[in-house]
């Protein structure tokens, strides 16, 4: 099968790639990033065809290239734990072997390179499995990679939903790095148990933003609006719940409505500078539509939006009017679930820090969270109490190649990126060299 052939090629490529000095591996990653840059518009156009406006596709390709070049700067050194007359003790990090990245549809270009870069830098051979909804850029990227890396080091396999289980079951695959929904992540983890594969899971999020009464609204509102509606809500680490101090709630809500009115939505053929895409596929459209149907059923109050635009026929594609729900009950579905679409609840908090921390932490998810305040000490104090893998102050979704990214609770296990993410692509190995004395 294709899976066996790809895994065999990766397995054959691994020993010499593992033994290639890390500086040489990093140089090839850097060369690869430059080659992507040299073909920038071709990649951006291909990415746009899978459901993004050109401006958003160009942003993703540019961000991915910078992230990949940042990854190439990372180095895992041997750590000396003890060095004396009796003994030398070191901790080493050795690559695992064949690794697989299973990718979602929302940021296929960036997230794919975000797995490939660290995997091959650490010395592994890597197989990229794109979402069936967005295979094109992965296949084209790997075609380019094949001209730069030794044969078998970077490959891609595209297929339908049965491809992932074949890869998770394969005895010669040493690690699965998966980005996607929490229910699918649980199935991946269960499938990896049989062969005790290493597994990194970057799953759903229900990120809270806590807005304090002393915030600079003119600065914060546009950033929070973009952080909530980026990719039309189809980002695991978009802001999904906003808790606003009651003293500024009305002003904040009015500002958010004005910000959302400026957003331009469009598809791959957009020529008017749209940045926000439609919902990417029919399956996701039905899920988001179900949540929109609750507005009337549950009596939620839309401050703006509330309609399923696709069914009005104004635009081709799975569009919704960007929607803000005004102060819904804390236990309502829009607060408790991750919508993965352009709908957002804004809730009030009364100034009691304990209470807003409880509200923010009242979720099974724990990917990211942010606090917005002019008082940075207070903001940090609140942030450190939040149960999330990434904390931001006066920013959100601020991602970097040298900073680990991972979730608490049901938002995942392990990390992508940073030195911690790089270690996730390695075995940890202790080495003790006895100079004198000893227990034997």
Protein backbone atom coordinates (compact mmCIF):
# COMPACT_ATOMS: atom_id res chain seq x y z
CA UNK A 1 0.00 0.00 0.00
CA UNK A 2 0.96 3.67 -0.28
CA UNK A 3 1.22 3.82 3.50
CA UNK A 4 3.67 0.92 3.66
CA UNK A 5 5.74 2.37 0.82
CA UNK A 6 5.92 5.82 2.43
CA UNK A 7 6.77 4.45 5.87
CA UNK A 8 9.43 2.14 4.37
CA UNK A 9 11.01 5.05 2.49
CA UNK A 10 10.98 7.18 5.65
CA UNK A 11 12.44 4.36 7.71
CA UNK A 12 15.23 3.86 5.17
CA UNK A 13 16.01 7.61 5.11
CA UNK A 14 16.08 7.96 8.89
CA UNK A 15 19.55 6.61 9.90
CA UNK A 16 21.60 8.90 7.66
CA UNK A 17 19.32 11.89 8.37
CA UNK A 18 19.63 11.26 12.13
CA UNK A 19 23.43 11.26 11.73
CA UNK A 20 23.47 14.49 9.71
CA UNK A 21 24.70 17.33 11.99
CA UNK A 22 21.85 19.54 13.20
CA UNK A 23 23.41 22.66 11.64
CA UNK A 24 23.23 20.96 8.23
CA UNK A 25 19.63 19.89 8.83
CA UNK A 26 18.78 23.48 9.86
CA UNK A 27 20.49 24.87 6.74
CA UNK A 28 18.29 22.69 4.52
CA UNK A 29 15.16 23.85 6.38
CA UNK A 30 16.30 27.43 5.79
CA UNK A 31 16.87 26.69 2.09
CA UNK A 32 13.38 25.15 1.93
CA UNK A 33 11.84 28.30 3.51
CA UNK A 34 13.64 30.45 0.92
CA UNK A 35 12.37 28.20 -1.88
CA UNK A 36 8.80 28.63 -0.62
CA UNK A 37 9.34 32.41 -0.55
CA UNK A 38 10.60 32.26 -4.17
CA UNK A 39 7.27 30.61 -5.13
CA UNK A 40 5.19 32.79 -2.81
CA UNK A 41 2.31 33.73 -5.11
CA UNK A 42 1.92 30.22 -6.51
CA UNK A 43 1.52 28.83 -3.00
CA UNK A 44 -0.79 31.66 -1.90
CA UNK A 45 -3.01 31.16 -4.97
CA UNK A 46 -3.19 27.41 -4.38
CA UNK A 47 -4.07 27.97 -0.71
CA UNK A 48 -6.76 30.50 -1.66
CA UNK A 49 -8.41 27.95 -3.97
CA UNK A 50 -9.12 25.82 -0.88
CA UNK A 51 -11.45 28.47 0.51
CA UNK A 52 -9.64 31.64 1.62
CA UNK A 53 -9.59 35.16 0.24
CA UNK A 54 -6.22 35.89 -1.43
CA UNK A 55 -5.23 38.40 1.26
CA UNK A 56 -5.74 35.80 4.03
CA UNK A 57 -3.89 33.13 2.04
CA UNK A 58 -0.92 35.47 1.52
CA UNK A 59 -0.87 36.27 5.23
CA UNK A 60 -0.77 32.56 6.11
CA UNK A 61 2.03 31.74 3.66
CA UNK A 62 4.12 34.68 4.87
CA UNK A 63 3.59 33.76 8.54
CA UNK A 64 4.44 30.11 7.85
CA UNK A 65 7.73 31.00 6.10
CA UNK A 66 8.81 33.23 9.01
CA UNK A 67 7.83 30.53 11.50
CA UNK A 68 9.81 27.90 9.59
CA UNK A 69 12.89 30.13 9.52
CA UNK A 70 12.45 30.66 13.26
CA UNK A 71 12.32 26.90 13.79
CA UNK A 72 15.64 26.52 11.94
CA UNK A 73 17.28 28.70 14.63
CA UNK A 74 16.45 26.25 17.45
CA UNK A 75 19.08 23.88 18.84
CA UNK A 76 18.81 20.99 21.30
CA UNK A 77 22.10 20.72 23.20
CA UNK A 78 23.21 17.91 25.46
CA UNK A 79 22.59 18.97 29.08
CA UNK A 80 25.30 18.31 31.65
CA UNK A 81 23.63 17.32 34.91
CA UNK A 82 26.81 16.57 36.86
CA UNK A 83 30.52 16.84 36.04
CA UNK A 84 33.07 16.02 38.74
CA UNK A 85 36.00 13.72 39.51
CA UNK A 86 33.70 10.72 40.01
CA UNK A 87 31.38 11.02 37.04
CA UNK A 88 30.02 12.90 34.08
CA UNK A 89 26.23 12.75 33.64
CA UNK A 90 24.53 14.08 30.52
CA UNK A 91 20.98 14.18 29.16
CA UNK A 92 20.73 13.74 25.39
CA UNK A 93 17.83 14.07 22.96
CA UNK A 94 17.76 11.55 20.12
CA UNK A 95 15.24 11.51 17.25
CA UNK A 96 12.41 8.99 17.32
CA UNK A 97 12.40 7.72 13.73
CA UNK A 98 9.38 8.04 11.44
CA UNK A 99 6.95 10.77 12.47
CA UNK A 100 3.53 11.61 11.04
CA UNK A 101 1.72 14.95 11.12
CA UNK A 102 -2.09 14.76 10.77
CA UNK A 103 -3.40 18.21 9.86
CA UNK A 104 -6.75 20.05 9.92
CA UNK A 105 -8.36 22.20 7.21
CA UNK A 106 -8.21 25.61 8.86
CA UNK A 107 -4.51 26.56 8.52
CA UNK A 108 -3.16 23.71 6.38
CA UNK A 109 -0.04 25.52 5.18
CA UNK A 110 1.15 27.02 8.45
CA UNK A 111 0.23 24.12 10.74
CA UNK A 112 1.76 21.55 8.39
CA UNK A 113 5.09 23.38 8.21
CA UNK A 114 4.82 23.93 11.97
CA UNK A 115 4.99 20.15 12.44
CA UNK A 116 7.38 19.31 9.61
CA UNK A 117 10.05 21.86 10.60
CA UNK A 118 10.65 20.67 14.19
CA UNK A 119 10.30 16.98 13.21
CA UNK A 120 13.03 17.08 10.58
CA UNK A 121 15.22 19.52 12.53
CA UNK A 122 15.26 17.00 15.40
CA UNK A 123 16.44 14.34 12.93
CA UNK A 124 13.22 12.45 12.14
CA UNK A 125 11.77 11.47 8.78
CA UNK A 126 8.34 13.06 8.36
CA UNK A 127 5.10 12.06 6.60
CA UNK A 128 2.55 14.86 6.15
CA UNK A 129 -1.11 13.83 6.05
CA UNK A 130 -3.25 16.83 5.07
CA UNK A 131 -6.97 17.18 5.66
CA UNK A 132 -9.05 15.68 2.81
CA UNK A 133 -10.57 19.18 2.49
CA UNK A 134 -7.20 20.92 1.90
CA UNK A 135 -4.61 18.58 0.32
CA UNK A 136 -3.20 20.81 -2.44
CA UNK A 137 -0.58 22.95 -0.72
CA UNK A 138 0.79 20.00 1.27
CA UNK A 139 1.39 17.98 -1.90
CA UNK A 140 3.01 20.96 -3.65
CA UNK A 141 5.19 21.78 -0.63
CA UNK A 142 6.44 18.21 -0.39
CA UNK A 143 7.16 18.19 -4.13
CA UNK A 144 9.40 21.20 -3.49
CA UNK A 145 10.91 19.61 -0.36
CA UNK A 146 11.89 16.54 -2.39
CA UNK A 147 14.30 18.75 -4.37
CA UNK A 148 16.01 19.93 -1.17
CA UNK A 149 15.96 17.13 1.41
CA UNK A 150 17.37 13.61 0.92
CA UNK A 151 14.86 11.08 -0.48
CA UNK A 152 12.32 9.86 2.07
CA UNK A 153 12.96 12.58 4.69
CA UNK A 154 9.82 14.60 3.83
CA UNK A 155 6.79 12.94 2.22
CA UNK A 156 3.04 13.56 1.97
CA UNK A 157 0.11 11.16 1.77
CA UNK A 158 -3.32 12.47 0.86
CA UNK A 159 -6.50 10.45 1.22
CA UNK A 160 -9.89 10.18 2.81
CA UNK A 161 -10.78 9.55 6.45
CA UNK A 162 -9.43 5.97 6.49
CA UNK A 163 -5.84 7.12 5.87
CA UNK A 164 -5.29 8.48 9.40
CA UNK A 165 -6.13 5.14 11.11
CA UNK A 166 -3.72 3.27 8.80
CA UNK A 167 -0.93 5.62 9.85
CA UNK A 168 -1.76 5.51 13.57
CA UNK A 169 -1.79 1.68 13.42
CA UNK A 170 1.46 1.27 11.50
CA UNK A 171 4.10 -0.44 13.70
CA UNK A 172 7.03 1.49 12.17
CA UNK A 173 5.59 4.95 12.85
CA UNK A 174 7.11 6.23 16.11
CA UNK A 175 5.09 9.40 16.64
CA UNK A 176 1.80 10.98 15.60
CA UNK A 177 1.44 14.75 15.93
CA UNK A 178 -2.25 15.60 15.46
CA UNK A 179 -4.04 18.94 15.24
CA UNK A 180 -7.84 18.81 15.12
CA UNK A 181 -10.95 18.33 17.22
CA UNK A 182 -10.95 16.87 20.73
CA UNK A 183 -13.19 13.86 19.86
CA UNK A 184 -10.90 12.88 16.95
CA UNK A 185 -7.83 13.47 19.13
CA UNK A 186 -9.15 10.93 21.63
CA UNK A 187 -9.52 8.37 18.85
CA UNK A 188 -5.97 9.08 17.65
CA UNK A 189 -4.64 8.60 21.18
CA UNK A 190 -6.49 5.31 21.59
CA UNK A 191 -5.17 4.07 18.24
CA UNK A 192 -1.59 4.95 19.21
CA UNK A 193 -1.83 2.89 22.42
CA UNK A 194 -1.41 -0.48 20.69
CA UNK A 195 2.12 0.33 19.53
CA UNK A 196 2.89 2.85 22.29
CA UNK A 197 3.54 5.60 19.77
CA UNK A 198 4.51 8.98 21.09
CA UNK A 199 1.62 11.37 20.54
CA UNK A 200 1.17 15.12 20.55
CA UNK A 201 -2.40 16.39 20.45
CA UNK A 202 -3.28 20.01 19.71
CA UNK A 203 -7.06 20.00 20.06
CA UNK A 204 -10.00 22.34 20.45
CA UNK A 205 -10.06 25.54 22.43
CA UNK A 206 -12.62 27.76 24.14
CA UNK A 207 -10.32 30.69 24.81
CA UNK A 208 -11.40 33.36 27.27
CA UNK A 209 -10.47 37.02 27.06
CA UNK A 210 -10.90 38.94 30.32
CA UNK A 211 -11.31 42.68 29.80
CA UNK A 212 -10.68 44.93 32.81
CA UNK A 213 -12.33 48.30 33.36
CA UNK A 214 -9.06 50.26 32.94
CA UNK A 215 -8.34 48.95 29.45
CA UNK A 216 -7.59 51.32 26.57
CA UNK A 217 -10.68 50.54 24.50
CA UNK A 218 -9.44 52.24 21.34
CA UNK A 219 -6.41 49.93 21.30
CA UNK A 220 -7.96 46.75 22.67
CA UNK A 221 -11.25 46.48 20.78
CA UNK A 222 -9.83 46.10 17.23
CA UNK A 223 -7.29 43.51 18.46
CA UNK A 224 -9.92 41.52 20.36
CA UNK A 225 -12.35 41.65 17.41
CA UNK A 226 -9.67 40.28 15.07
CA UNK A 227 -8.61 37.69 17.68
CA UNK A 228 -12.20 36.46 17.86
CA UNK A 229 -13.16 36.45 14.18
CA UNK A 230 -9.79 35.56 12.61
CA UNK A 231 -10.40 32.94 9.88
CA UNK A 232 -14.11 33.44 10.70
CA UNK A 233 -13.73 31.75 14.08
CA UNK A 234 -12.07 28.67 12.54
CA UNK A 235 -8.94 28.75 14.69
CA UNK A 236 -8.48 26.58 17.78
CA UNK A 237 -6.91 29.55 19.55
CA UNK A 238 -9.35 32.28 18.48
CA UNK A 239 -11.01 34.14 21.32
CA UNK A 240 -14.27 32.24 21.91
CA UNK A 241 -15.60 33.90 25.10
CA UNK A 242 -15.16 37.50 26.25
CA UNK A 243 -15.71 38.57 29.86
CA UNK A 244 -16.01 42.35 30.10
CA UNK A 245 -16.07 44.42 33.30
CA UNK A 246 -19.64 45.69 33.76
CA UNK A 247 -18.45 49.33 34.06
CA UNK A 248 -17.30 49.36 30.42
CA UNK A 249 -19.53 46.61 29.01
CA UNK A 250 -21.81 48.86 26.94
CA UNK A 251 -18.90 50.86 25.47
CA UNK A 252 -16.97 47.68 24.71
CA UNK A 253 -19.95 46.02 23.03
CA UNK A 254 -20.62 49.12 20.91
CA UNK A 255 -16.95 49.16 19.87
CA UNK A 256 -17.02 45.47 18.92
CA UNK A 257 -20.14 45.99 16.79
CA UNK A 258 -18.43 48.84 14.91
CA UNK A 259 -15.26 46.76 14.42
CA UNK A 260 -17.22 43.80 13.05
CA UNK A 261 -19.05 46.06 10.60
CA UNK A 262 -15.71 46.86 8.95
CA UNK A 263 -14.83 43.19 8.35
CA UNK A 264 -14.80 42.08 4.73
CA UNK A 265 -15.71 38.48 3.99
CA UNK A 266 -14.83 36.76 0.73
CA UNK A 267 -13.73 33.60 -1.01
CA UNK A 268 -10.81 32.64 -3.21
CA UNK A 269 -11.95 34.89 -6.09
CA UNK A 270 -12.29 37.99 -3.89
CA UNK A 271 -10.78 41.16 -5.37
CA UNK A 272 -11.88 43.65 -2.72
CA UNK A 273 -9.36 42.99 0.02
CA UNK A 274 -11.44 40.60 2.12
CA UNK A 275 -9.60 38.90 4.99
CA UNK A 276 -12.34 36.67 6.42
CA UNK A 277 -13.29 33.44 4.63
CA UNK A 278 -16.54 31.47 4.63
CA UNK A 279 -16.85 28.37 6.79
CA UNK A 280 -14.56 25.91 5.02
CA UNK A 281 -16.78 22.88 4.31
CA UNK A 282 -20.30 21.46 4.43
CA UNK A 283 -19.69 19.38 7.57
CA UNK A 284 -18.53 22.43 9.54
CA UNK A 285 -21.32 24.54 8.03
CA UNK A 286 -23.95 22.17 9.44
CA UNK A 287 -22.35 22.29 12.91
CA UNK A 288 -22.27 26.09 12.97
CA UNK A 289 -25.79 26.30 11.51
CA UNK A 290 -27.05 24.20 14.40
CA UNK A 291 -25.59 26.73 16.83
CA UNK A 292 -27.19 29.63 14.90
CA UNK A 293 -30.52 27.77 15.17
CA UNK A 294 -30.21 27.97 18.97
CA UNK A 295 -30.37 31.78 18.91
CA UNK A 296 -34.14 31.76 18.56
CA UNK A 297 -34.71 28.54 20.50
CA UNK A 298 -32.70 29.70 23.52
CA UNK A 299 -33.71 33.34 23.29
CA UNK A 300 -30.14 34.62 22.91
CA UNK A 301 -29.80 38.28 22.03
CA UNK A 302 -27.67 39.00 18.92
CA UNK A 303 -26.04 42.43 19.20
CA UNK A 304 -25.13 42.09 15.52
CA UNK A 305 -25.68 39.34 12.96
CA UNK A 306 -27.56 36.15 13.72
CA UNK A 307 -28.34 35.14 10.13
CA UNK A 308 -27.11 32.28 7.95
CA UNK A 309 -26.10 34.36 4.93
CA UNK A 310 -25.42 31.35 2.66
CA UNK A 311 -29.10 30.52 2.62
CA UNK A 312 -30.05 34.05 1.61
CA UNK A 313 -28.05 33.48 -1.58
CA UNK A 314 -26.11 36.75 -1.49
CA UNK A 315 -22.71 35.05 -1.63
CA UNK A 316 -21.42 31.73 -2.90
CA UNK A 317 -19.97 29.74 -0.02
CA UNK A 318 -20.85 28.79 3.53
CA UNK A 319 -21.28 32.29 4.91
CA UNK A 320 -22.79 33.49 8.16
CA UNK A 321 -23.25 37.07 9.23
CA UNK A 322 -20.58 37.65 11.91
CA UNK A 323 -22.54 37.42 15.14
CA UNK A 324 -22.09 38.66 18.70
CA UNK A 325 -24.39 37.28 21.41
CA UNK A 326 -25.05 39.89 24.11
CA UNK A 327 -24.54 38.54 27.65
CA UNK A 328 -25.97 35.01 27.33
CA UNK A 329 -26.26 32.71 30.39
CA UNK A 330 -22.92 31.22 31.44
CA UNK A 331 -24.23 27.66 31.01
CA UNK A 332 -25.58 28.21 27.48
CA UNK A 333 -24.15 26.22 24.57
CA UNK A 334 -22.61 29.30 22.94
CA UNK A 335 -20.45 29.79 26.07
CA UNK A 336 -19.75 26.13 26.83
CA UNK A 337 -19.00 24.84 23.30
CA UNK A 338 -16.37 25.79 20.73
CA UNK A 339 -18.37 27.08 17.74
CA UNK A 340 -15.57 27.08 15.13
CA UNK A 341 -17.53 29.68 13.20
CA UNK A 342 -18.16 33.46 13.28
CA UNK A 343 -20.30 33.63 16.43
CA UNK A 344 -19.11 34.96 19.77
CA UNK A 345 -20.60 35.48 23.25
CA UNK A 346 -19.71 38.55 25.32
CA UNK A 347 -20.50 38.30 29.05
CA UNK A 348 -20.32 40.73 31.97
CA UNK A 349 -18.21 40.36 35.09
CA UNK A 350 -18.72 42.43 38.21
CA UNK A 351 -15.15 43.31 39.26
CA UNK A 352 -14.62 40.25 41.47
CA UNK A 353 -11.39 38.66 40.21
CA UNK A 354 -12.16 35.31 41.83
CA UNK A 355 -15.48 35.18 40.01
CA UNK A 356 -14.13 36.05 36.55
CA UNK A 357 -11.30 33.51 36.96
CA UNK A 358 -13.90 30.88 37.89
CA UNK A 359 -15.97 31.78 34.80
CA UNK A 360 -12.95 31.70 32.49
CA UNK A 361 -11.84 28.31 33.87
CA UNK A 362 -15.37 26.84 33.70
CA UNK A 363 -14.65 24.74 30.61
CA UNK A 364 -13.12 21.38 29.69
CA UNK A 365 -10.81 23.25 27.31
CA UNK A 366 -7.59 25.07 28.15
CA UNK A 367 -5.72 26.16 25.03
CA UNK A 368 -5.19 29.93 25.29
CA UNK A 369 -6.45 32.86 27.36
CA UNK A 370 -5.81 36.59 27.52
CA UNK A 371 -6.20 39.45 29.97
CA UNK A 372 -6.60 43.04 28.82
CA UNK A 373 -5.72 45.85 31.24
CA UNK A 374 -3.59 48.98 31.64
CA UNK A 375 -2.41 47.62 35.00
CA UNK A 376 0.14 45.04 33.88
CA UNK A 377 0.79 43.65 37.37
CA UNK A 378 -2.90 43.03 37.89
CA UNK A 379 -3.23 41.52 34.42
CA UNK A 380 -0.38 39.10 35.11
CA UNK A 381 -1.84 38.19 38.50
CA UNK A 382 -5.17 37.28 36.89
CA UNK A 383 -3.54 35.53 33.92
CA UNK A 384 -1.44 33.21 36.10
CA UNK A 385 -4.65 31.82 37.62
CA UNK A 386 -6.06 30.78 34.25
CA UNK A 387 -6.00 27.12 33.21
CA UNK A 388 -4.59 27.46 29.70
CA UNK A 389 -1.38 26.50 27.93
CA UNK A 390 -0.80 29.93 26.37
CA UNK A 391 -1.41 33.12 28.34
CA UNK A 392 -1.34 36.54 26.70
CA UNK A 393 -1.59 40.04 28.13
CA UNK A 394 -2.97 42.80 25.88
CA UNK A 395 -2.64 40.48 22.87
CA UNK A 396 -3.98 37.09 21.78
CA UNK A 397 -2.99 34.36 19.33
CA UNK A 398 0.53 35.82 19.37
CA UNK A 399 2.43 32.72 18.19
CA UNK A 400 6.20 32.26 17.76
CA UNK A 401 8.49 29.43 16.62
CA UNK A 402 10.58 29.63 19.82
CA UNK A 403 7.58 29.53 22.19
CA UNK A 404 5.95 26.20 23.05
CA UNK A 405 2.26 25.84 22.19
CA UNK A 406 -0.02 23.27 23.81
CA UNK A 407 -3.16 22.88 25.87
CA UNK A 408 -4.39 22.10 29.38
CA UNK A 409 -7.25 19.69 30.05
CA UNK A 410 -9.05 18.47 26.90
CA UNK A 411 -7.24 20.94 24.65
CA UNK A 412 -4.44 18.46 24.18
CA UNK A 413 -1.23 16.81 25.29
CA UNK A 414 2.37 17.76 24.62
CA UNK A 415 3.53 20.79 22.68
CA UNK A 416 4.37 22.03 19.24
CA UNK A 417 7.22 24.55 18.79
CA UNK A 418 9.95 25.93 21.02
CA UNK A 419 12.58 23.72 22.64
CA UNK A 420 9.85 21.80 24.48
CA UNK A 421 8.13 21.05 21.16
CA UNK A 422 11.47 19.96 19.68
CA UNK A 423 12.04 17.60 22.63
CA UNK A 424 8.64 16.09 21.83
CA UNK A 425 10.18 14.76 18.59
CA UNK A 426 12.95 13.04 20.57
CA UNK A 427 13.69 10.27 23.03
CA UNK A 428 15.29 11.49 26.25
CA UNK A 429 18.46 9.57 27.00
CA UNK A 430 20.72 9.75 30.06
CA UNK A 431 24.42 8.99 29.75
CA UNK A 432 26.59 8.39 32.84
CA UNK A 433 30.34 8.11 32.43
CA UNK A 434 32.01 6.72 35.56
CA UNK A 435 35.46 8.18 36.30
CA UNK A 436 36.10 6.71 39.74
CA UNK A 437 34.33 5.11 42.68
CA UNK A 438 30.91 3.72 41.93
CA UNK A 439 28.24 1.42 43.32
CA UNK A 440 29.70 -1.76 41.80
